[in-house]
Amino acid sequence: MGIPPHCKQMGYPARKMKKEDFVELLEKLRERPVSGRKLFVWVGDKQSITDILPAEITNEVDLLQIIPDESCSDDANIQRELRKIVRETLQQGVQSLKGQQVLLVSNSWVLARYKVPLSVFYKYYLGDRTLVVLQVDKSMFSGKLPEYVRLRENITLEYFRNLLPEENKDNIIERG
């Protein structure tokens, strides 16, 4: 497997990304470009990630605010429209880029729900001056479900884990 890119960049031995390493990477990015395409999955509530992101270089995209309206008739059309809207949003972000930028993607479960690939972030946004954080809430469901209902609490995280390219496989940070 080799040494994960974030470890090589920061001079650490190979290991999973820890919150402290992530915070250090954010500090470096605040000061200057950091080589590589940086996409992270933050597993925890939105407040826990916004507390550590550098506010002056962070922008947020709430996918629930940009999702296509009900006029899209089926999942395939919603996926197509959502991909287009995400691509356009990312392109606008890059065109207006001044210095480094962190993009926080909230309600990222929408990407998993409509099977939007992460390649759109790599193709249109990620670079030495940008970093993306996909925020995934931990399930807080505690009710009782009927026997015929199966709750897959980690489905969004599983989706992202399966789509992350090798260079970012270790970039899943669980708040804790």
C-alpha atoms as a PDB file:
ATOM      1  CA  MET A   1       0.000   0.000   0.000  1.00  0.00           C
ATOM      2  CA  GLY A   2       2.821   2.414   0.694  1.00  0.00           C
ATOM      3  CA  ILE A   3       2.881   5.580   2.749  1.00  0.00           C
ATOM      4  CA  PRO A   4      -0.328   7.659   2.503  1.00  0.00           C
ATOM      5  CA  PRO A   5       0.248  10.966   0.662  1.00  0.00           C
ATOM      6  CA  HIS A   6      -0.774  13.136   3.609  1.00  0.00           C
ATOM      7  CA  CYS A   7       1.865  11.381   5.728  1.00  0.00           C
ATOM      8  CA  LYS A   8       4.552  11.868   3.075  1.00  0.00           C
ATOM      9  CA  GLN A   9       3.657  15.551   2.706  1.00  0.00           C
ATOM     10  CA  MET A  10       3.861  16.154   6.417  1.00  0.00           C
ATOM     11  CA  GLY A  11       6.857  13.902   7.115  1.00  0.00           C
ATOM     12  CA  TYR A  12       4.952  11.411   9.278  1.00  0.00           C
ATOM     13  CA  PRO A  13       5.235   7.634   9.203  1.00  0.00           C
ATOM     14  CA  ALA A  14       2.404   5.767   7.446  1.00  0.00           C
ATOM     15  CA  ARG A  15      -0.785   5.730   9.538  1.00  0.00           C
ATOM     16  CA  LYS A  16      -4.428   6.686   9.425  1.00  0.00           C
ATOM     17  CA  MET A  17      -5.200  10.401   9.408  1.00  0.00           C
ATOM     18  CA  LYS A  18      -5.801  11.747  12.890  1.00  0.00           C
ATOM     19  CA  LYS A  19      -7.572  14.940  13.849  1.00  0.00           C
ATOM     20  CA  GLU A  20      -4.286  16.510  14.999  1.00  0.00           C
ATOM     21  CA  ASP A  21      -2.640  15.791  11.627  1.00  0.00           C
ATOM     22  CA  PHE A  22      -5.652  17.220   9.836  1.00  0.00           C
ATOM     23  CA  VAL A  23      -5.521  20.425  11.912  1.00  0.00           C
ATOM     24  CA  GLU A  24      -1.805  20.751  11.105  1.00  0.00           C
ATOM     25  CA  LEU A  25      -2.534  20.318   7.398  1.00  0.00           C
ATOM     26  CA  LEU A  26      -5.219  23.025   7.614  1.00  0.00           C
ATOM     27  CA  GLU A  27      -2.704  25.391   9.236  1.00  0.00           C
ATOM     28  CA  LYS A  28      -0.196  24.756   6.449  1.00  0.00           C
ATOM     29  CA  LEU A  29      -2.882  25.321   3.816  1.00  0.00           C
ATOM     30  CA  ARG A  30      -3.859  28.595   5.478  1.00  0.00           C
ATOM     31  CA  GLU A  31      -0.282  29.821   5.026  1.00  0.00           C
ATOM     32  CA  ARG A  32       0.581  28.456   1.598  1.00  0.00           C
ATOM     33  CA  PRO A  33      -0.387  25.933  -1.108  1.00  0.00           C
ATOM     34  CA  VAL A  34       0.126  22.277  -0.143  1.00  0.00           C
ATOM     35  CA  SER A  35       0.841  19.821  -2.933  1.00  0.00           C
ATOM     36  CA  GLY A  36      -1.643  17.114  -3.762  1.00  0.00           C
ATOM     37  CA  ARG A  37      -5.381  16.677  -4.169  1.00  0.00           C
ATOM     38  CA  LYS A  38      -6.899  16.773  -0.707  1.00  0.00           C
ATOM     39  CA  LEU A  39     -10.343  15.304  -0.116  1.00  0.00           C
ATOM     40  CA  PHE A  40     -11.370  14.292   3.406  1.00  0.00           C
ATOM     41  CA  VAL A  41     -14.428  12.703   4.955  1.00  0.00           C
ATOM     42  CA  TRP A  42     -15.252  14.049   8.422  1.00  0.00           C
ATOM     43  CA  VAL A  43     -17.495  11.729  10.433  1.00  0.00           C
ATOM     44  CA  GLY A  44     -19.132  13.863  13.084  1.00  0.00           C
ATOM     45  CA  ASP A  45     -21.533  16.727  13.522  1.00  0.00           C
ATOM     46  CA  LYS A  46     -21.165  19.915  11.527  1.00  0.00           C
ATOM     47  CA  GLN A  47     -20.202  22.028  14.537  1.00  0.00           C
ATOM     48  CA  SER A  48     -17.249  19.761  15.340  1.00  0.00           C
ATOM     49  CA  ILE A  49     -15.716  20.368  11.899  1.00  0.00           C
ATOM     50  CA  THR A  50     -16.534  24.073  11.640  1.00  0.00           C
ATOM     51  CA  ASP A  51     -14.800  24.576  14.990  1.00  0.00           C
ATOM     52  CA  ILE A  52     -11.449  23.520  13.511  1.00  0.00           C
ATOM     53  CA  LEU A  53     -11.689  24.842   9.941  1.00  0.00           C
ATOM     54  CA  PRO A  54      -9.932  28.180   9.333  1.00  0.00           C
ATOM     55  CA  ALA A  55     -12.936  30.502   8.871  1.00  0.00           C
ATOM     56  CA  GLU A  56     -11.110  33.022   6.680  1.00  0.00           C
ATOM     57  CA  ILE A  57     -10.446  30.467   3.922  1.00  0.00           C
ATOM     58  CA  THR A  58     -13.497  28.205   4.336  1.00  0.00           C
ATOM     59  CA  ASN A  59     -16.561  28.197   2.102  1.00  0.00           C
ATOM     60  CA  GLU A  60     -19.553  25.931   2.593  1.00  0.00           C
ATOM     61  CA  VAL A  61     -21.799  24.222   0.093  1.00  0.00           C
ATOM     62  CA  ASP A  62     -24.969  22.780   1.582  1.00  0.00           C
ATOM     63  CA  LEU A  63     -26.161  20.174  -0.889  1.00  0.00           C
ATOM     64  CA  LEU A  64     -29.747  20.467   0.327  1.00  0.00           C
ATOM     65  CA  GLN A  65     -29.704  24.086  -0.830  1.00  0.00           C
ATOM     66  CA  ILE A  66     -28.579  23.244  -4.369  1.00  0.00           C
ATOM     67  CA  ILE A  67     -30.381  19.947  -4.990  1.00  0.00           C
ATOM     68  CA  PRO A  68     -32.710  20.037  -8.001  1.00  0.00           C
ATOM     69  CA  ASP A  69     -36.363  20.699  -7.272  1.00  0.00           C
ATOM     70  CA  GLU A  70     -39.184  18.198  -7.496  1.00  0.00           C
ATOM     71  CA  SER A  71     -39.605  18.746 -11.241  1.00  0.00           C
ATOM     72  CA  CYS A  72     -36.936  16.077 -11.784  1.00  0.00           C
ATOM     73  CA  SER A  73     -38.947  12.924 -12.236  1.00  0.00           C
ATOM     74  CA  ASP A  74     -36.599  10.133 -11.192  1.00  0.00           C
ATOM     75  CA  ASP A  75     -33.292   9.388  -9.491  1.00  0.00           C
ATOM     76  CA  ALA A  76     -31.337   9.311 -12.769  1.00  0.00           C
ATOM     77  CA  ASN A  77     -32.532  12.809 -13.695  1.00  0.00           C
ATOM     78  CA  ILE A  78     -31.858  14.109 -10.188  1.00  0.00           C
ATOM     79  CA  GLN A  79     -28.362  12.588 -10.300  1.00  0.00           C
ATOM     80  CA  ARG A  80     -27.645  14.186 -13.683  1.00  0.00           C
ATOM     81  CA  GLU A  81     -28.897  17.597 -12.548  1.00  0.00           C
ATOM     82  CA  LEU A  82     -27.093  17.353  -9.208  1.00  0.00           C
ATOM     83  CA  ARG A  83     -23.802  16.494 -10.959  1.00  0.00           C
ATOM     84  CA  LYS A  84     -24.253  19.501 -13.220  1.00  0.00           C
ATOM     85  CA  ILE A  85     -25.059  21.849 -10.327  1.00  0.00           C
ATOM     86  CA  VAL A  86     -22.129  20.566  -8.227  1.00  0.00           C
ATOM     87  CA  ARG A  87     -19.775  20.919 -11.217  1.00  0.00           C
ATOM     88  CA  GLU A  88     -20.927  24.486 -11.851  1.00  0.00           C
ATOM     89  CA  THR A  89     -20.596  25.358  -8.152  1.00  0.00           C
ATOM     90  CA  LEU A  90     -17.048  23.975  -8.063  1.00  0.00           C
ATOM     91  CA  GLN A  91     -16.062  25.765 -11.269  1.00  0.00           C
ATOM     92  CA  GLN A  92     -17.351  29.063  -9.859  1.00  0.00           C
ATOM     93  CA  GLY A  93     -15.381  28.450  -6.673  1.00  0.00           C
ATOM     94  CA  VAL A  94     -12.156  27.860  -8.599  1.00  0.00           C
ATOM     95  CA  GLN A  95     -12.687  30.882 -10.855  1.00  0.00           C
ATOM     96  CA  SER A  96     -13.122  33.175  -7.860  1.00  0.00           C
ATOM     97  CA  LEU A  97     -10.248  31.578  -5.930  1.00  0.00           C
ATOM     98  CA  LYS A  98      -7.869  34.031  -4.270  1.00  0.00           C
ATOM     99  CA  GLY A  99      -5.279  32.158  -2.255  1.00  0.00           C
ATOM    100  CA  GLN A 100      -6.105  28.853  -0.614  1.00  0.00           C
ATOM    101  CA  GLN A 101      -9.592  27.552   0.088  1.00  0.00           C
ATOM    102  CA  VAL A 102     -11.297  24.845   2.131  1.00  0.00           C
ATOM    103  CA  LEU A 103     -14.675  23.714   0.863  1.00  0.00           C
ATOM    104  CA  LEU A 104     -16.976  22.193   3.476  1.00  0.00           C
ATOM    105  CA  VAL A 105     -19.697  20.068   1.868  1.00  0.00           C
ATOM    106  CA  SER A 106     -22.561  19.657   4.308  1.00  0.00           C
ATOM    107  CA  ASN A 107     -25.426  17.214   3.835  1.00  0.00           C
ATOM    108  CA  SER A 108     -23.010  15.111   1.808  1.00  0.00           C
ATOM    109  CA  TRP A 109     -25.381  12.150   2.177  1.00  0.00           C
ATOM    110  CA  VAL A 110     -27.121  13.624  -0.895  1.00  0.00           C
ATOM    111  CA  LEU A 111     -24.102  12.554  -2.991  1.00  0.00           C
ATOM    112  CA  ALA A 112     -24.480   8.986  -1.731  1.00  0.00           C
ATOM    113  CA  ARG A 113     -28.268   8.979  -2.055  1.00  0.00           C
ATOM    114  CA  TYR A 114     -28.104   9.927  -5.745  1.00  0.00           C
ATOM    115  CA  LYS A 115     -24.810   8.102  -6.427  1.00  0.00           C
ATOM    116  CA  VAL A 116     -22.926  11.201  -7.527  1.00  0.00           C
ATOM    117  CA  PRO A 117     -19.278  10.221  -8.036  1.00  0.00           C
ATOM    118  CA  LEU A 118     -16.484  12.057  -6.239  1.00  0.00           C
ATOM    119  CA  SER A 119     -14.632  12.452  -9.543  1.00  0.00           C
ATOM    120  CA  VAL A 120     -16.387  15.792 -10.053  1.00  0.00           C
ATOM    121  CA  PHE A 121     -14.372  17.203  -7.108  1.00  0.00           C
ATOM    122  CA  TYR A 122     -11.102  15.862  -8.508  1.00  0.00           C
ATOM    123  CA  LYS A 123     -11.777  17.067 -12.029  1.00  0.00           C
ATOM    124  CA  TYR A 124     -13.077  20.558 -11.326  1.00  0.00           C
ATOM    125  CA  TYR A 125     -11.840  21.640  -7.914  1.00  0.00           C
ATOM    126  CA  LEU A 126      -9.038  19.829  -6.119  1.00  0.00           C
ATOM    127  CA  GLY A 127      -5.466  21.067  -6.383  1.00  0.00           C
ATOM    128  CA  ASP A 128      -2.573  22.485  -4.387  1.00  0.00           C
ATOM    129  CA  ARG A 129      -4.623  25.463  -3.171  1.00  0.00           C
ATOM    130  CA  THR A 130      -7.867  23.670  -2.368  1.00  0.00           C
ATOM    131  CA  LEU A 131      -9.133  21.078   0.089  1.00  0.00           C
ATOM    132  CA  VAL A 132     -12.579  19.471   0.335  1.00  0.00           C
ATOM    133  CA  VAL A 133     -14.230  18.130   3.488  1.00  0.00           C
ATOM    134  CA  LEU A 134     -17.322  15.962   3.086  1.00  0.00           C
ATOM    135  CA  GLN A 135     -19.139  16.138   6.411  1.00  0.00           C
ATOM    136  CA  VAL A 136     -20.996  12.946   7.367  1.00  0.00           C
ATOM    137  CA  ASP A 137     -23.233  12.956  10.443  1.00  0.00           C
ATOM    138  CA  LYS A 138     -23.174   9.955  12.700  1.00  0.00           C
ATOM    139  CA  SER A 139     -26.620   8.437  12.911  1.00  0.00           C
ATOM    140  CA  MET A 140     -28.604   9.552  15.920  1.00  0.00           C
ATOM    141  CA  PHE A 141     -31.573   7.299  15.255  1.00  0.00           C
ATOM    142  CA  SER A 142     -32.619   5.565  18.422  1.00  0.00           C
ATOM    143  CA  GLY A 143     -36.200   4.585  17.694  1.00  0.00           C
ATOM    144  CA  LYS A 144     -37.641   1.170  17.042  1.00  0.00           C
ATOM    145  CA  LEU A 145     -38.233   0.213  13.436  1.00  0.00           C
ATOM    146  CA  PRO A 146     -40.654  -2.366  12.055  1.00  0.00           C
ATOM    147  CA  GLU A 147     -39.048  -5.731  11.276  1.00  0.00           C
ATOM    148  CA  TYR A 148     -39.309  -5.187   7.524  1.00  0.00           C
ATOM    149  CA  VAL A 149     -37.223  -1.976   7.682  1.00  0.00           C
ATOM    150  CA  ARG A 150     -33.459  -2.297   7.618  1.00  0.00           C
ATOM    151  CA  LEU A 151     -31.493   0.759   8.713  1.00  0.00           C
ATOM    152  CA  ARG A 152     -27.998   0.996   7.255  1.00  0.00           C
ATOM    153  CA  GLU A 153     -26.515   3.706   9.451  1.00  0.00           C
ATOM    154  CA  ASN A 154     -23.120   3.811   7.750  1.00  0.00           C
ATOM    155  CA  ILE A 155     -24.281   3.739   4.130  1.00  0.00           C
ATOM    156  CA  THR A 156     -22.958   7.236   3.326  1.00  0.00           C
ATOM    157  CA  LEU A 157     -19.564   6.487   4.843  1.00  0.00           C
ATOM    158  CA  GLU A 158     -19.428   3.136   3.006  1.00  0.00           C
ATOM    159  CA  TYR A 159     -20.230   4.912  -0.272  1.00  0.00           C
ATOM    160  CA  PHE A 160     -17.419   7.441   0.169  1.00  0.00           C
ATOM    161  CA  ARG A 161     -14.946   4.812   1.376  1.00  0.00           C
ATOM    162  CA  ASN A 162     -15.584   2.775  -1.778  1.00  0.00           C
ATOM    163  CA  LEU A 163     -15.170   5.787  -4.066  1.00  0.00           C
ATOM    164  CA  LEU A 164     -12.074   7.383  -2.563  1.00  0.00           C
ATOM    165  CA  PRO A 165      -9.045   6.949  -4.803  1.00  0.00           C
ATOM    166  CA  GLU A 166      -5.972   5.240  -3.375  1.00  0.00           C
ATOM    167  CA  GLU A 167      -4.303   8.579  -2.628  1.00  0.00           C
ATOM    168  CA  ASN A 168      -7.130   9.514  -0.237  1.00  0.00           C
ATOM    169  CA  LYS A 169      -8.141   6.122   1.231  1.00  0.00           C
ATOM    170  CA  ASP A 170      -6.856   7.092   4.688  1.00  0.00           C
ATOM    171  CA  ASN A 171      -8.511  10.520   4.706  1.00  0.00           C
ATOM    172  CA  ILE A 172     -11.502   9.547   6.808  1.00  0.00           C
ATOM    173  CA  ILE A 173     -11.455  11.276  10.163  1.00  0.00           C
ATOM    174  CA  GLU A 174     -13.846  10.202  12.879  1.00  0.00           C
ATOM    175  CA  ARG A 175     -14.532  12.734  15.567  1.00  0.00           C
ATOM    176  CA  GLY A 176     -13.626  11.296  18.861  1.00  0.00           C
END
